[in-house]
Amino acid sequence: MNRPAAAPQRSCTACRREADKAVLLRFVCAPDGTVVPDLEQKLPGRGAYTCLSRSCLLQAVARRGFQRAFKGRAGITDGQELAGMVQQQMERRISGYLSLAAKAGALVSGSESVERALKGAKPVYLLVLAGDISPAIADKWQSMADRLQLPVVQVFNKDAVGQLMGKDSERSAVVVMSDGFARSLIRECERYRTYLEEESGR
């Protein structure tokens, strides 16, 4: 019986740690020498990789790792600017999934509607909370989710969540009614959280 193919491995340009390339950050070199992040890992051309870590990214810039990886084609790179581009791309990916789920009718927002959904008969797969809600409100939603063994993520602020729902008012909580969208959001929010924790921890 044939064994499944091993996941492709790549080394971090900074710390040299080897890992599945799917869990690393990929970067490509544009024709003008600009190093740009490629979170979807779909852009053509040679790629350079770092850990999902702001410190590794900054080390790669400081130690001219991208210049070596791209064989001298990469120009001078601003590490802070590149780190910000990674964060922006992550935020766009999360926003994109939330917007698509909203258009597909797979989201329920608004406190009363969310509470009804959590107590209703239809399956729910994820609770999304705004990052700027009060600890007391967060604890209330977390308690309800725990009783259902429902995963919870916190991301963005209430105003941004409301805008993504196409609403004119703030939204502090959103329920995802689609397993597929929930899995994608959990994955992207986990990567985003890991990156921000690394950023704030340095």
N, C-alpha and C. Protein backbone atom coordinates (compact mmCIF):
# COMPACT_ATOMS: atom_id res chain seq x y z
N MET A 1 0.84 -1.19 0.00
CA MET A 1 0.00 0.00 0.00
C MET A 1 0.88 1.25 0.00
N ASN A 2 0.57 2.20 -0.85
CA ASN A 2 1.37 3.42 -0.94
C ASN A 2 1.12 4.31 0.27
N ARG A 3 2.21 4.85 0.80
CA ARG A 3 2.08 5.79 1.91
C ARG A 3 1.73 7.17 1.37
N PRO A 4 0.93 7.94 2.14
CA PRO A 4 0.62 9.30 1.68
C PRO A 4 1.88 10.14 1.60
N ALA A 5 1.93 11.00 0.60
CA ALA A 5 3.11 11.85 0.41
C ALA A 5 3.28 12.79 1.61
N ALA A 6 4.51 12.96 2.02
CA ALA A 6 4.80 13.87 3.14
C ALA A 6 4.55 15.31 2.70
N ALA A 7 4.11 16.13 3.65
CA ALA A 7 3.87 17.54 3.35
C ALA A 7 5.19 18.21 2.99
N PRO A 8 5.19 19.10 1.98
CA PRO A 8 6.43 19.79 1.60
C PRO A 8 7.01 20.58 2.76
N GLN A 9 8.31 20.49 2.94
CA GLN A 9 9.00 21.18 4.03
C GLN A 9 9.80 22.37 3.49
N ARG A 10 9.86 23.42 4.30
CA ARG A 10 10.69 24.57 3.98
C ARG A 10 11.38 25.04 5.25
N SER A 11 12.47 25.78 5.09
CA SER A 11 13.21 26.30 6.23
C SER A 11 12.96 27.80 6.39
N CYS A 12 12.85 28.24 7.63
CA CYS A 12 12.71 29.66 7.92
C CYS A 12 13.99 30.38 7.51
N THR A 13 13.85 31.46 6.77
CA THR A 13 15.00 32.22 6.28
C THR A 13 15.83 32.81 7.42
N ALA A 14 15.20 33.01 8.59
CA ALA A 14 15.92 33.60 9.72
C ALA A 14 16.50 32.56 10.66
N CYS A 15 15.64 31.73 11.27
CA CYS A 15 16.12 30.80 12.30
C CYS A 15 16.49 29.44 11.75
N ARG A 16 16.18 29.19 10.49
CA ARG A 16 16.50 27.94 9.78
C ARG A 16 15.68 26.75 10.26
N ARG A 17 14.69 26.96 11.11
CA ARG A 17 13.84 25.85 11.54
C ARG A 17 13.05 25.33 10.36
N GLU A 18 12.97 24.01 10.23
CA GLU A 18 12.24 23.40 9.12
C GLU A 18 10.83 23.04 9.57
N ALA A 19 9.85 23.30 8.72
CA ALA A 19 8.45 23.01 9.05
C ALA A 19 7.67 22.82 7.75
N ASP A 20 6.44 22.30 7.89
CA ASP A 20 5.55 22.23 6.73
C ASP A 20 5.39 23.63 6.16
N LYS A 21 5.51 23.77 4.86
CA LYS A 21 5.46 25.12 4.29
C LYS A 21 4.09 25.76 4.50
N ALA A 22 3.04 24.94 4.70
CA ALA A 22 1.70 25.49 4.89
C ALA A 22 1.57 26.29 6.18
N VAL A 23 2.43 26.02 7.16
CA VAL A 23 2.33 26.74 8.44
C VAL A 23 3.30 27.92 8.51
N LEU A 24 4.09 28.10 7.48
CA LEU A 24 5.05 29.21 7.44
C LEU A 24 4.48 30.39 6.67
N LEU A 25 5.13 31.53 6.80
CA LEU A 25 4.81 32.70 5.98
C LEU A 25 5.67 32.66 4.72
N ARG A 26 5.02 32.84 3.57
CA ARG A 26 5.75 32.83 2.30
C ARG A 26 5.88 34.26 1.77
N PHE A 27 7.02 34.55 1.19
CA PHE A 27 7.28 35.85 0.59
C PHE A 27 7.83 35.65 -0.82
N VAL A 28 7.49 36.57 -1.71
CA VAL A 28 8.02 36.52 -3.07
C VAL A 28 8.67 37.87 -3.39
N CYS A 29 9.48 37.86 -4.41
CA CYS A 29 10.17 39.07 -4.85
C CYS A 29 9.53 39.58 -6.13
N ALA A 30 8.97 40.79 -6.08
CA ALA A 30 8.35 41.39 -7.26
C ALA A 30 9.44 41.78 -8.27
N PRO A 31 9.05 42.02 -9.53
CA PRO A 31 10.05 42.39 -10.55
C PRO A 31 10.87 43.61 -10.18
N ASP A 32 10.30 44.53 -9.38
CA ASP A 32 11.05 45.73 -9.00
C ASP A 32 11.93 45.51 -7.76
N GLY A 33 11.99 44.27 -7.26
CA GLY A 33 12.83 43.96 -6.11
C GLY A 33 12.13 44.07 -4.77
N THR A 34 10.85 44.44 -4.78
CA THR A 34 10.09 44.55 -3.53
C THR A 34 9.73 43.17 -3.00
N VAL A 35 9.98 42.94 -1.72
CA VAL A 35 9.58 41.69 -1.08
C VAL A 35 8.15 41.85 -0.56
N VAL A 36 7.27 40.95 -0.97
CA VAL A 36 5.87 41.04 -0.58
C VAL A 36 5.41 39.72 0.03
N PRO A 37 4.52 39.78 1.04
CA PRO A 37 3.99 38.55 1.63
C PRO A 37 2.99 37.88 0.70
N ASP A 38 2.97 36.56 0.74
CA ASP A 38 2.06 35.75 -0.08
C ASP A 38 1.38 34.74 0.83
N LEU A 39 0.40 35.20 1.61
CA LEU A 39 -0.23 34.33 2.60
C LEU A 39 -0.96 33.16 1.98
N GLU A 40 -1.48 33.33 0.78
CA GLU A 40 -2.19 32.23 0.12
C GLU A 40 -1.23 31.24 -0.53
N GLN A 41 0.05 31.61 -0.60
CA GLN A 41 1.09 30.75 -1.18
C GLN A 41 0.72 30.32 -2.61
N LYS A 42 0.28 31.31 -3.39
CA LYS A 42 -0.13 31.03 -4.77
C LYS A 42 0.61 31.87 -5.80
N LEU A 43 1.32 32.91 -5.36
CA LEU A 43 1.99 33.78 -6.33
C LEU A 43 3.12 33.02 -7.02
N PRO A 44 3.35 33.32 -8.30
CA PRO A 44 4.40 32.60 -9.04
C PRO A 44 5.79 33.03 -8.60
N GLY A 45 6.75 32.22 -8.94
CA GLY A 45 8.14 32.55 -8.67
C GLY A 45 8.67 31.89 -7.42
N ARG A 46 9.94 32.09 -7.22
CA ARG A 46 10.63 31.52 -6.06
C ARG A 46 10.09 32.13 -4.78
N GLY A 47 9.93 31.32 -3.74
CA GLY A 47 9.44 31.82 -2.47
C GLY A 47 10.50 31.73 -1.38
N ALA A 48 10.42 32.63 -0.43
CA ALA A 48 11.24 32.58 0.79
C ALA A 48 10.27 32.48 1.96
N TYR A 49 10.68 31.81 3.02
CA TYR A 49 9.76 31.51 4.11
C TYR A 49 10.33 31.97 5.45
N THR A 50 9.41 32.36 6.35
CA THR A 50 9.78 32.58 7.75
C THR A 50 8.73 31.90 8.62
N CYS A 51 9.08 31.72 9.89
CA CYS A 51 8.10 31.22 10.85
C CYS A 51 6.95 32.23 10.95
N LEU A 52 5.83 31.79 11.52
CA LEU A 52 4.70 32.68 11.76
C LEU A 52 5.04 33.54 12.97
N SER A 53 6.00 34.42 12.79
CA SER A 53 6.64 35.12 13.90
C SER A 53 7.20 36.44 13.40
N ARG A 54 6.80 37.51 14.05
CA ARG A 54 7.31 38.82 13.67
C ARG A 54 8.82 38.90 13.88
N SER A 55 9.31 38.27 14.95
CA SER A 55 10.75 38.34 15.23
C SER A 55 11.56 37.66 14.14
N CYS A 56 11.08 36.51 13.65
CA CYS A 56 11.80 35.84 12.56
C CYS A 56 11.77 36.70 11.29
N LEU A 57 10.63 37.32 11.04
CA LEU A 57 10.53 38.18 9.86
C LEU A 57 11.55 39.32 9.94
N LEU A 58 11.60 39.97 11.11
CA LEU A 58 12.53 41.09 11.27
C LEU A 58 13.98 40.63 11.21
N GLN A 59 14.26 39.44 11.75
CA GLN A 59 15.62 38.89 11.65
C GLN A 59 15.99 38.61 10.20
N ALA A 60 15.03 38.08 9.44
CA ALA A 60 15.29 37.79 8.03
C ALA A 60 15.67 39.07 7.28
N VAL A 61 15.00 40.17 7.62
CA VAL A 61 15.33 41.45 6.98
C VAL A 61 16.70 41.94 7.45
N ALA A 62 16.91 41.92 8.77
CA ALA A 62 18.16 42.46 9.33
C ALA A 62 19.39 41.68 8.87
N ARG A 63 19.24 40.39 8.69
CA ARG A 63 20.38 39.54 8.31
C ARG A 63 20.47 39.32 6.80
N ARG A 64 19.69 40.10 6.07
CA ARG A 64 19.70 40.04 4.60
C ARG A 64 19.33 38.64 4.09
N GLY A 65 18.46 37.99 4.84
CA GLY A 65 18.01 36.66 4.44
C GLY A 65 17.24 36.65 3.15
N PHE A 66 16.45 37.69 2.91
CA PHE A 66 15.67 37.74 1.67
C PHE A 66 16.59 37.97 0.47
N GLN A 67 17.63 38.78 0.65
CA GLN A 67 18.58 38.98 -0.45
C GLN A 67 19.24 37.66 -0.84
N ARG A 68 19.60 36.86 0.17
CA ARG A 68 20.21 35.55 -0.13
C ARG A 68 19.20 34.62 -0.79
N ALA A 69 17.98 34.59 -0.24
CA ALA A 69 16.96 33.67 -0.77
C ALA A 69 16.61 34.00 -2.22
N PHE A 70 16.60 35.29 -2.54
CA PHE A 70 16.24 35.70 -3.90
C PHE A 70 17.48 36.02 -4.74
N LYS A 71 18.63 35.56 -4.27
CA LYS A 71 19.88 35.65 -5.04
C LYS A 71 20.19 37.08 -5.49
N GLY A 72 20.04 38.02 -4.55
CA GLY A 72 20.42 39.39 -4.82
C GLY A 72 19.38 40.23 -5.53
N ARG A 73 18.24 39.64 -5.90
CA ARG A 73 17.22 40.42 -6.64
C ARG A 73 16.39 41.31 -5.71
N ALA A 74 16.36 40.99 -4.41
CA ALA A 74 15.54 41.75 -3.48
C ALA A 74 16.22 43.06 -3.13
N GLY A 75 15.44 44.13 -3.13
CA GLY A 75 15.97 45.43 -2.74
C GLY A 75 15.99 45.58 -1.24
N ILE A 76 16.30 46.79 -0.79
CA ILE A 76 16.31 47.08 0.65
C ILE A 76 14.88 47.02 1.16
N THR A 77 14.66 46.26 2.24
CA THR A 77 13.32 46.03 2.76
C THR A 77 13.19 46.65 4.14
N ASP A 78 12.09 47.36 4.37
CA ASP A 78 11.77 47.91 5.69
C ASP A 78 11.05 46.83 6.49
N GLY A 79 11.69 46.33 7.54
CA GLY A 79 11.13 45.23 8.31
C GLY A 79 9.78 45.56 8.93
N GLN A 80 9.66 46.75 9.51
CA GLN A 80 8.40 47.13 10.15
C GLN A 80 7.27 47.24 9.13
N GLU A 81 7.60 47.78 7.97
CA GLU A 81 6.59 47.90 6.91
C GLU A 81 6.15 46.52 6.43
N LEU A 82 7.09 45.60 6.26
CA LEU A 82 6.75 44.26 5.81
C LEU A 82 5.92 43.53 6.86
N ALA A 83 6.26 43.71 8.14
CA ALA A 83 5.48 43.10 9.22
C ALA A 83 4.04 43.63 9.21
N GLY A 84 3.89 44.93 8.94
CA GLY A 84 2.55 45.51 8.85
C GLY A 84 1.76 44.97 7.67
N MET A 85 2.44 44.73 6.56
CA MET A 85 1.77 44.16 5.39
C MET A 85 1.23 42.76 5.68
N VAL A 86 2.01 41.97 6.44
CA VAL A 86 1.55 40.63 6.81
C VAL A 86 0.28 40.73 7.65
N GLN A 87 0.28 41.64 8.63
CA GLN A 87 -0.90 41.80 9.48
C GLN A 87 -2.11 42.23 8.66
N GLN A 88 -1.91 43.17 7.74
CA GLN A 88 -3.02 43.64 6.90
C GLN A 88 -3.58 42.52 6.04
N GLN A 89 -2.70 41.69 5.48
CA GLN A 89 -3.19 40.58 4.66
C GLN A 89 -3.99 39.59 5.50
N MET A 90 -3.53 39.33 6.72
CA MET A 90 -4.27 38.44 7.61
C MET A 90 -5.66 39.00 7.92
N GLU A 91 -5.72 40.29 8.20
CA GLU A 91 -7.00 40.93 8.50
C GLU A 91 -7.93 40.88 7.30
N ARG A 92 -7.37 41.06 6.10
CA ARG A 92 -8.21 41.00 4.89
C ARG A 92 -8.76 39.60 4.68
N ARG A 93 -7.96 38.58 4.99
CA ARG A 93 -8.44 37.20 4.83
C ARG A 93 -9.60 36.91 5.78
N ILE A 94 -9.47 37.33 7.03
CA ILE A 94 -10.55 37.12 8.00
C ILE A 94 -11.79 37.90 7.58
N SER A 95 -11.59 39.16 7.19
CA SER A 95 -12.71 39.99 6.73
C SER A 95 -13.40 39.36 5.53
N GLY A 96 -12.61 38.80 4.62
CA GLY A 96 -13.17 38.18 3.43
C GLY A 96 -14.06 37.01 3.76
N TYR A 97 -13.62 36.16 4.67
CA TYR A 97 -14.44 35.01 5.06
C TYR A 97 -15.72 35.45 5.76
N LEU A 98 -15.62 36.47 6.63
CA LEU A 98 -16.82 36.96 7.30
C LEU A 98 -17.80 37.57 6.30
N SER A 99 -17.29 38.33 5.35
CA SER A 99 -18.16 38.95 4.34
C SER A 99 -18.83 37.89 3.47
N LEU A 100 -18.08 36.88 3.05
CA LEU A 100 -18.65 35.80 2.24
C LEU A 100 -19.71 35.04 3.02
N ALA A 101 -19.44 34.77 4.29
CA ALA A 101 -20.41 34.06 5.12
C ALA A 101 -21.68 34.88 5.30
N ALA A 102 -21.52 36.20 5.46
CA ALA A 102 -22.69 37.07 5.60
C ALA A 102 -23.53 37.05 4.33
N LYS A 103 -22.87 37.14 3.17
CA LYS A 103 -23.60 37.13 1.90
C LYS A 103 -24.29 35.79 1.65
N ALA A 104 -23.70 34.72 2.20
CA ALA A 104 -24.29 33.39 2.03
C ALA A 104 -25.40 33.11 3.03
N GLY A 105 -25.68 34.07 3.91
CA GLY A 105 -26.71 33.87 4.92
C GLY A 105 -26.29 32.92 6.02
N ALA A 106 -24.98 32.80 6.22
CA ALA A 106 -24.46 31.83 7.20
C ALA A 106 -24.07 32.49 8.52
N LEU A 107 -24.43 33.76 8.70
CA LEU A 107 -24.12 34.46 9.94
C LEU A 107 -25.38 34.99 10.60
N VAL A 108 -25.37 35.01 11.92
CA VAL A 108 -26.42 35.65 12.71
C VAL A 108 -25.74 36.66 13.61
N SER A 109 -26.21 37.91 13.59
CA SER A 109 -25.59 38.94 14.42
C SER A 109 -26.66 39.69 15.20
N GLY A 110 -26.19 40.47 16.18
CA GLY A 110 -27.12 41.15 17.08
C GLY A 110 -27.33 40.31 18.32
N SER A 111 -27.24 40.93 19.49
CA SER A 111 -27.23 40.18 20.74
C SER A 111 -28.43 39.25 20.90
N GLU A 112 -29.63 39.77 20.67
CA GLU A 112 -30.82 38.93 20.86
C GLU A 112 -30.86 37.79 19.85
N SER A 113 -30.53 38.08 18.60
CA SER A 113 -30.55 37.05 17.56
C SER A 113 -29.49 35.97 17.84
N VAL A 114 -28.32 36.41 18.30
CA VAL A 114 -27.26 35.45 18.61
C VAL A 114 -27.68 34.56 19.77
N GLU A 115 -28.29 35.15 20.79
CA GLU A 115 -28.73 34.36 21.94
C GLU A 115 -29.78 33.34 21.53
N ARG A 116 -30.70 33.75 20.66
CA ARG A 116 -31.72 32.80 20.18
C ARG A 116 -31.07 31.67 19.39
N ALA A 117 -30.08 32.03 18.57
CA ALA A 117 -29.40 31.00 17.77
C ALA A 117 -28.68 29.99 18.66
N LEU A 118 -28.08 30.48 19.73
CA LEU A 118 -27.35 29.60 20.64
C LEU A 118 -28.29 28.68 21.41
N LYS A 119 -29.53 29.13 21.59
CA LYS A 119 -30.50 28.32 22.32
C LYS A 119 -31.42 27.53 21.40
N GLY A 120 -31.28 27.75 20.08
CA GLY A 120 -32.18 27.13 19.11
C GLY A 120 -31.78 25.72 18.73
N ALA A 121 -32.55 25.18 17.78
CA ALA A 121 -32.34 23.78 17.36
C ALA A 121 -31.34 23.66 16.22
N LYS A 122 -31.13 24.75 15.47
CA LYS A 122 -30.22 24.66 14.33
C LYS A 122 -28.77 24.57 14.80
N PRO A 123 -27.94 23.81 14.09
CA PRO A 123 -26.53 23.69 14.51
C PRO A 123 -25.77 25.00 14.33
N VAL A 124 -24.93 25.30 15.30
CA VAL A 124 -24.04 26.47 15.22
C VAL A 124 -22.61 25.96 15.36
N TYR A 125 -21.67 26.64 14.72
CA TYR A 125 -20.31 26.11 14.63
C TYR A 125 -19.23 27.01 15.21
N LEU A 126 -19.55 28.29 15.38
CA LEU A 126 -18.52 29.21 15.88
C LEU A 126 -19.18 30.48 16.39
N LEU A 127 -18.65 31.01 17.49
CA LEU A 127 -19.07 32.30 18.02
C LEU A 127 -17.92 33.28 17.83
N VAL A 128 -18.18 34.36 17.12
CA VAL A 128 -17.18 35.40 16.89
C VAL A 128 -17.53 36.60 17.77
N LEU A 129 -16.59 37.02 18.60
CA LEU A 129 -16.79 38.17 19.48
C LEU A 129 -15.87 39.31 19.06
N ALA A 130 -16.38 40.53 19.15
CA ALA A 130 -15.54 41.69 18.89
C ALA A 130 -14.47 41.80 19.97
N GLY A 131 -13.31 42.26 19.60
CA GLY A 131 -12.20 42.32 20.54
C GLY A 131 -12.31 43.41 21.58
N ASP A 132 -13.23 44.38 21.38
CA ASP A 132 -13.32 45.49 22.32
C ASP A 132 -14.55 45.44 23.21
N ILE A 133 -15.21 44.28 23.33
CA ILE A 133 -16.34 44.19 24.25
C ILE A 133 -15.81 44.10 25.68
N SER A 134 -16.66 44.43 26.65
CA SER A 134 -16.24 44.43 28.04
C SER A 134 -15.98 43.00 28.52
N PRO A 135 -15.12 42.83 29.52
CA PRO A 135 -14.87 41.49 30.06
C PRO A 135 -16.14 40.80 30.54
N ALA A 136 -17.06 41.56 31.13
CA ALA A 136 -18.31 40.96 31.63
C ALA A 136 -19.14 40.39 30.48
N ILE A 137 -19.25 41.14 29.39
CA ILE A 137 -20.01 40.66 28.23
C ILE A 137 -19.31 39.47 27.60
N ALA A 138 -17.99 39.54 27.51
CA ALA A 138 -17.24 38.42 26.94
C ALA A 138 -17.44 37.15 27.77
N ASP A 139 -17.43 37.30 29.10
CA ASP A 139 -17.63 36.14 29.99
C ASP A 139 -19.02 35.55 29.81
N LYS A 140 -20.01 36.41 29.61
CA LYS A 140 -21.38 35.93 29.40
C LYS A 140 -21.46 35.06 28.15
N TRP A 141 -20.91 35.56 27.03
CA TRP A 141 -20.95 34.80 25.78
C TRP A 141 -20.10 33.53 25.89
N GLN A 142 -18.95 33.65 26.54
CA GLN A 142 -18.07 32.48 26.68
C GLN A 142 -18.76 31.38 27.47
N SER A 143 -19.50 31.77 28.50
CA SER A 143 -20.21 30.79 29.32
C SER A 143 -21.26 30.05 28.49
N MET A 144 -22.00 30.79 27.67
CA MET A 144 -23.00 30.16 26.81
C MET A 144 -22.35 29.23 25.80
N ALA A 145 -21.22 29.66 25.24
CA ALA A 145 -20.52 28.83 24.26
C ALA A 145 -19.96 27.57 24.91
N ASP A 146 -19.45 27.71 26.13
CA ASP A 146 -18.88 26.55 26.82
C ASP A 146 -19.92 25.47 27.04
N ARG A 147 -21.14 25.88 27.34
CA ARG A 147 -22.19 24.88 27.56
C ARG A 147 -22.49 24.09 26.30
N LEU A 148 -22.25 24.71 25.15
CA LEU A 148 -22.47 24.04 23.86
C LEU A 148 -21.19 23.43 23.30
N GLN A 149 -20.09 23.60 24.03
CA GLN A 149 -18.77 23.18 23.52
C GLN A 149 -18.50 23.82 22.16
N LEU A 150 -18.83 25.11 22.08
CA LEU A 150 -18.72 25.87 20.84
C LEU A 150 -17.43 26.67 20.84
N PRO A 151 -16.62 26.58 19.79
CA PRO A 151 -15.40 27.39 19.73
C PRO A 151 -15.72 28.88 19.65
N VAL A 152 -14.83 29.69 20.22
CA VAL A 152 -15.00 31.14 20.26
C VAL A 152 -13.72 31.80 19.78
N VAL A 153 -13.85 32.82 18.94
CA VAL A 153 -12.71 33.65 18.55
C VAL A 153 -13.06 35.10 18.79
N GLN A 154 -12.05 35.92 19.10
CA GLN A 154 -12.24 37.36 19.24
C GLN A 154 -11.37 38.06 18.20
N VAL A 155 -11.98 38.99 17.47
CA VAL A 155 -11.25 39.66 16.41
C VAL A 155 -11.92 40.99 16.07
N PHE A 156 -11.13 41.99 15.70
CA PHE A 156 -11.59 43.31 15.27
C PHE A 156 -12.35 44.02 16.41
N ASN A 157 -12.93 45.18 16.09
CA ASN A 157 -13.75 45.88 17.07
C ASN A 157 -15.22 45.84 16.64
N LYS A 158 -16.09 46.33 17.53
CA LYS A 158 -17.54 46.21 17.28
C LYS A 158 -17.96 46.93 16.01
N ASP A 159 -17.37 48.09 15.76
CA ASP A 159 -17.73 48.85 14.57
C ASP A 159 -17.33 48.09 13.30
N ALA A 160 -16.11 47.53 13.29
CA ALA A 160 -15.64 46.79 12.11
C ALA A 160 -16.49 45.55 11.87
N VAL A 161 -16.85 44.84 12.94
CA VAL A 161 -17.70 43.65 12.78
C VAL A 161 -19.05 44.04 12.21
N GLY A 162 -19.62 45.15 12.69
CA GLY A 162 -20.89 45.61 12.16
C GLY A 162 -20.81 45.94 10.68
N GLN A 163 -19.74 46.61 10.27
CA GLN A 163 -19.56 46.95 8.86
C GLN A 163 -19.45 45.69 8.00
N LEU A 164 -18.73 44.68 8.50
CA LEU A 164 -18.59 43.44 7.74
C LEU A 164 -19.92 42.71 7.59
N MET A 165 -20.82 42.93 8.55
CA MET A 165 -22.16 42.35 8.46
C MET A 165 -23.07 43.16 7.55
N GLY A 166 -22.57 44.31 7.07
CA GLY A 166 -23.40 45.18 6.25
C GLY A 166 -24.39 45.97 7.08
N LYS A 167 -24.06 46.18 8.37
CA LYS A 167 -24.96 46.88 9.28
C LYS A 167 -24.46 48.30 9.53
N ASP A 168 -25.40 49.18 9.89
CA ASP A 168 -25.05 50.56 10.21
C ASP A 168 -24.66 50.72 11.67
N SER A 169 -24.86 49.69 12.48
CA SER A 169 -24.56 49.77 13.90
C SER A 169 -23.51 48.74 14.30
N GLU A 170 -22.98 48.91 15.50
CA GLU A 170 -21.96 48.00 16.00
C GLU A 170 -22.53 46.60 16.23
N ARG A 171 -21.66 45.61 16.15
CA ARG A 171 -22.03 44.23 16.46
C ARG A 171 -20.95 43.66 17.38
N SER A 172 -21.38 43.14 18.52
CA SER A 172 -20.42 42.59 19.48
C SER A 172 -20.28 41.08 19.38
N ALA A 173 -21.28 40.41 18.78
CA ALA A 173 -21.24 38.95 18.70
C ALA A 173 -21.89 38.49 17.40
N VAL A 174 -21.31 37.45 16.83
CA VAL A 174 -21.80 36.87 15.57
C VAL A 174 -21.71 35.35 15.69
N VAL A 175 -22.75 34.66 15.24
CA VAL A 175 -22.73 33.20 15.21
C VAL A 175 -22.57 32.74 13.77
N VAL A 176 -21.68 31.78 13.56
CA VAL A 176 -21.45 31.20 12.23
C VAL A 176 -22.23 29.89 12.15
N MET A 177 -23.11 29.81 11.14
CA MET A 177 -24.01 28.65 11.00
C MET A 177 -23.51 27.66 9.95
N SER A 178 -22.33 27.88 9.42
CA SER A 178 -21.76 27.01 8.39
C SER A 178 -20.47 26.38 8.91
N ASP A 179 -20.38 25.06 8.84
CA ASP A 179 -19.18 24.37 9.30
C ASP A 179 -17.95 24.78 8.48
N GLY A 180 -18.12 24.89 7.16
CA GLY A 180 -17.00 25.25 6.30
C GLY A 180 -16.45 26.63 6.61
N PHE A 181 -17.33 27.63 6.71
CA PHE A 181 -16.87 28.98 7.05
C PHE A 181 -16.26 29.01 8.45
N ALA A 182 -16.84 28.26 9.38
CA ALA A 182 -16.31 28.23 10.74
C ALA A 182 -14.89 27.69 10.77
N ARG A 183 -14.65 26.61 10.05
CA ARG A 183 -13.30 26.04 10.02
C ARG A 183 -12.28 27.02 9.45
N SER A 184 -12.67 27.69 8.37
CA SER A 184 -11.77 28.66 7.74
C SER A 184 -11.48 29.83 8.68
N LEU A 185 -12.51 30.32 9.36
CA LEU A 185 -12.32 31.44 10.27
C LEU A 185 -11.48 31.06 11.49
N ILE A 186 -11.71 29.86 12.02
CA ILE A 186 -10.90 29.41 13.15
C ILE A 186 -9.43 29.34 12.76
N ARG A 187 -9.17 28.78 11.58
CA ARG A 187 -7.78 28.66 11.12
C ARG A 187 -7.13 30.03 10.95
N GLU A 188 -7.82 30.94 10.28
CA GLU A 188 -7.23 32.26 10.02
C GLU A 188 -7.09 33.08 11.29
N CYS A 189 -8.07 32.99 12.18
CA CYS A 189 -8.00 33.74 13.44
C CYS A 189 -6.89 33.20 14.34
N GLU A 190 -6.66 31.90 14.30
CA GLU A 190 -5.57 31.32 15.09
C GLU A 190 -4.21 31.82 14.58
N ARG A 191 -4.04 31.86 13.27
CA ARG A 191 -2.79 32.38 12.71
C ARG A 191 -2.62 33.86 13.06
N TYR A 192 -3.70 34.61 12.96
CA TYR A 192 -3.67 36.04 13.28
C TYR A 192 -3.31 36.25 14.75
N ARG A 193 -3.94 35.47 15.64
CA ARG A 193 -3.67 35.58 17.07
C ARG A 193 -2.21 35.24 17.37
N THR A 194 -1.72 34.17 16.76
CA THR A 194 -0.32 33.77 16.97
C THR A 194 0.63 34.89 16.54
N TYR A 195 0.35 35.49 15.40
CA TYR A 195 1.22 36.55 14.89
C TYR A 195 1.18 37.77 15.81
N LEU A 196 -0.02 38.15 16.27
CA LEU A 196 -0.14 39.32 17.14
C LEU A 196 0.48 39.06 18.51
N GLU A 197 0.34 37.84 19.02
CA GLU A 197 0.97 37.51 20.30
C GLU A 197 2.48 37.62 20.20
N GLU A 198 3.01 37.13 19.09
CA GLU A 198 4.45 37.22 18.87
C GLU A 198 4.87 38.67 18.78
N GLU A 199 4.02 39.49 18.12
CA GLU A 199 4.35 40.90 17.94
C GLU A 199 4.34 41.64 19.26
N SER A 200 3.30 41.37 20.10
CA SER A 200 3.18 42.09 21.36
C SER A 200 4.12 41.56 22.43
N GLY A 201 4.61 40.33 22.22
CA GLY A 201 5.46 39.71 23.23
C GLY A 201 6.92 40.07 23.10
N ARG A 202 7.26 40.83 22.09
CA ARG A 202 8.67 41.19 21.89
C ARG A 202 8.91 42.63 22.34
